[in-house]
Amino acid sequence: MTETAPSDVKDVLKKGLATYDIDVVDDVKVISSHEDKYKVEVPYDGELLFDNILSNYGTLLYNKEGEIDWKGVRSGKLVVTVDLDN
């Protein structure tokens, strides 16, 4: 069974994706993790504007809470890496 992401990872995702009017609509599932770095699958609702996402070298969010790197879109789900150490 796939592990559900910790709440601090979900919070970083929700805040970062809200910047682009994208809502997290279901449980965030962990694909892999190592220390404070999580690769997760994020079910979303909203329109992805690739120019906005890719104009900053693929980074959706960087602040003291974490960094989200855009990886791709798969069947209405984002696959992203969240690094809580940054």
C-alpha atoms as a PDB file:
ATOM      1  CA  MET A   1       0.000   0.000   0.000  1.00  0.00           C
ATOM      2  CA  THR A   2       1.203   3.505  -0.835  1.00  0.00           C
ATOM      3  CA  GLU A   3       2.120   5.764   2.041  1.00  0.00           C
ATOM      4  CA  THR A   4       0.285   9.070   2.503  1.00  0.00           C
ATOM      5  CA  ALA A   5       2.591  12.104   2.634  1.00  0.00           C
ATOM      6  CA  PRO A   6       3.222  13.786   6.006  1.00  0.00           C
ATOM      7  CA  SER A   7       1.197  16.904   6.803  1.00  0.00           C
ATOM      8  CA  ASP A   8       4.187  19.279   6.443  1.00  0.00           C
ATOM      9  CA  VAL A   9       4.722  18.033   2.867  1.00  0.00           C
ATOM     10  CA  LYS A  10       1.009  18.505   2.104  1.00  0.00           C
ATOM     11  CA  ASP A  11       1.108  22.039   3.545  1.00  0.00           C
ATOM     12  CA  VAL A  12       4.075  23.039   1.346  1.00  0.00           C
ATOM     13  CA  LEU A  13       2.310  21.603  -1.714  1.00  0.00           C
ATOM     14  CA  LYS A  14      -1.006  23.312  -0.993  1.00  0.00           C
ATOM     15  CA  LYS A  15       0.643  26.707  -0.440  1.00  0.00           C
ATOM     16  CA  GLY A  16       2.889  26.402  -3.476  1.00  0.00           C
ATOM     17  CA  LEU A  17       0.212  25.180  -5.865  1.00  0.00           C
ATOM     18  CA  ALA A  18      -2.304  27.777  -4.636  1.00  0.00           C
ATOM     19  CA  THR A  19       0.047  30.360  -6.176  1.00  0.00           C
ATOM     20  CA  TYR A  20      -1.060  28.967  -9.556  1.00  0.00           C
ATOM     21  CA  ASP A  21      -4.742  28.523  -8.599  1.00  0.00           C
ATOM     22  CA  ILE A  22      -4.253  24.758  -8.417  1.00  0.00           C
ATOM     23  CA  ASP A  23      -5.985  22.838  -5.635  1.00  0.00           C
ATOM     24  CA  VAL A  24      -4.821  19.543  -4.145  1.00  0.00           C
ATOM     25  CA  VAL A  25      -7.990  17.422  -4.328  1.00  0.00           C
ATOM     26  CA  ASP A  26      -7.104  14.116  -2.696  1.00  0.00           C
ATOM     27  CA  ASP A  27      -4.481  12.374  -0.586  1.00  0.00           C
ATOM     28  CA  VAL A  28      -0.878  13.028  -1.584  1.00  0.00           C
ATOM     29  CA  LYS A  29       0.899   9.681  -2.021  1.00  0.00           C
ATOM     30  CA  VAL A  30       4.621   9.141  -1.439  1.00  0.00           C
ATOM     31  CA  ILE A  31       6.409   7.493  -4.379  1.00  0.00           C
ATOM     32  CA  SER A  32       9.793   7.566  -2.664  1.00  0.00           C
ATOM     33  CA  SER A  33      11.531   9.423   0.151  1.00  0.00           C
ATOM     34  CA  HIS A  34      14.982   9.934   1.581  1.00  0.00           C
ATOM     35  CA  GLU A  35      15.498  11.945   4.762  1.00  0.00           C
ATOM     36  CA  ASP A  36      13.487  15.191   4.223  1.00  0.00           C
ATOM     37  CA  LYS A  37      13.125  14.806   0.435  1.00  0.00           C
ATOM     38  CA  TYR A  38       9.865  13.318  -0.869  1.00  0.00           C
ATOM     39  CA  LYS A  39       8.837  12.376  -4.404  1.00  0.00           C
ATOM     40  CA  VAL A  40       5.048  12.462  -4.339  1.00  0.00           C
ATOM     41  CA  GLU A  41       1.990  12.058  -6.548  1.00  0.00           C
ATOM     42  CA  VAL A  42      -0.445  14.956  -6.185  1.00  0.00           C
ATOM     43  CA  PRO A  43      -4.044  14.785  -7.507  1.00  0.00           C
ATOM     44  CA  TYR A  44      -4.957  18.324  -8.555  1.00  0.00           C
ATOM     45  CA  ASP A  45      -7.736  20.512  -9.898  1.00  0.00           C
ATOM     46  CA  GLY A  46      -6.765  23.559 -11.924  1.00  0.00           C
ATOM     47  CA  GLU A  47      -5.118  24.627 -15.173  1.00  0.00           C
ATOM     48  CA  LEU A  48      -1.364  24.140 -15.440  1.00  0.00           C
ATOM     49  CA  LEU A  49       0.314  27.019 -17.251  1.00  0.00           C
ATOM     50  CA  PHE A  50       3.623  25.558 -18.353  1.00  0.00           C
ATOM     51  CA  ASP A  51       5.179  28.951 -19.165  1.00  0.00           C
ATOM     52  CA  ASN A  52       4.743  30.074 -15.553  1.00  0.00           C
ATOM     53  CA  ILE A  53       6.091  26.850 -14.143  1.00  0.00           C
ATOM     54  CA  LEU A  54       9.090  26.493 -16.445  1.00  0.00           C
ATOM     55  CA  SER A  55      10.106  30.170 -16.499  1.00  0.00           C
ATOM     56  CA  ASN A  56      11.738  29.722 -13.090  1.00  0.00           C
ATOM     57  CA  TYR A  57      13.839  26.661 -14.055  1.00  0.00           C
ATOM     58  CA  GLY A  58      11.023  24.325 -13.024  1.00  0.00           C
ATOM     59  CA  THR A  59      10.688  25.604  -9.470  1.00  0.00           C
ATOM     60  CA  LEU A  60       7.144  26.206  -8.241  1.00  0.00           C
ATOM     61  CA  LEU A  61       8.014  27.403  -4.772  1.00  0.00           C
ATOM     62  CA  TYR A  62      11.059  28.212  -2.737  1.00  0.00           C
ATOM     63  CA  ASN A  63      10.855  29.626   0.744  1.00  0.00           C
ATOM     64  CA  LYS A  64      11.902  28.705   4.261  1.00  0.00           C
ATOM     65  CA  GLU A  65       9.264  25.937   4.384  1.00  0.00           C
ATOM     66  CA  GLY A  66      10.378  23.961   1.386  1.00  0.00           C
ATOM     67  CA  GLU A  67      11.029  23.738  -2.321  1.00  0.00           C
ATOM     68  CA  ILE A  68       8.807  22.092  -4.914  1.00  0.00           C
ATOM     69  CA  ASP A  69      10.310  21.049  -8.259  1.00  0.00           C
ATOM     70  CA  TRP A  70       7.965  20.379 -11.153  1.00  0.00           C
ATOM     71  CA  LYS A  71       8.397  16.903 -12.668  1.00  0.00           C
ATOM     72  CA  GLY A  72       5.407  16.236 -14.911  1.00  0.00           C
ATOM     73  CA  VAL A  73       1.707  15.715 -15.415  1.00  0.00           C
ATOM     74  CA  ARG A  74       0.238  12.217 -15.371  1.00  0.00           C
ATOM     75  CA  SER A  75      -3.519  11.642 -15.674  1.00  0.00           C
ATOM     76  CA  GLY A  76      -4.534  14.698 -13.655  1.00  0.00           C
ATOM     77  CA  LYS A  77      -1.765  14.148 -11.133  1.00  0.00           C
ATOM     78  CA  LEU A  78       1.484  15.988 -10.605  1.00  0.00           C
ATOM     79  CA  VAL A  79       4.650  14.133  -9.739  1.00  0.00           C
ATOM     80  CA  VAL A  80       6.876  16.475  -7.761  1.00  0.00           C
ATOM     81  CA  THR A  81       9.810  16.438  -5.390  1.00  0.00           C
ATOM     82  CA  VAL A  82       9.455  18.312  -2.101  1.00  0.00           C
ATOM     83  CA  ASP A  83      12.697  19.080  -0.259  1.00  0.00           C
ATOM     84  CA  LEU A  84      12.004  20.260   3.291  1.00  0.00           C
ATOM     85  CA  ASP A  85      15.696  20.969   3.942  1.00  0.00           C
ATOM     86  CA  ASN A  86      15.784  24.028   1.640  1.00  0.00           C
END
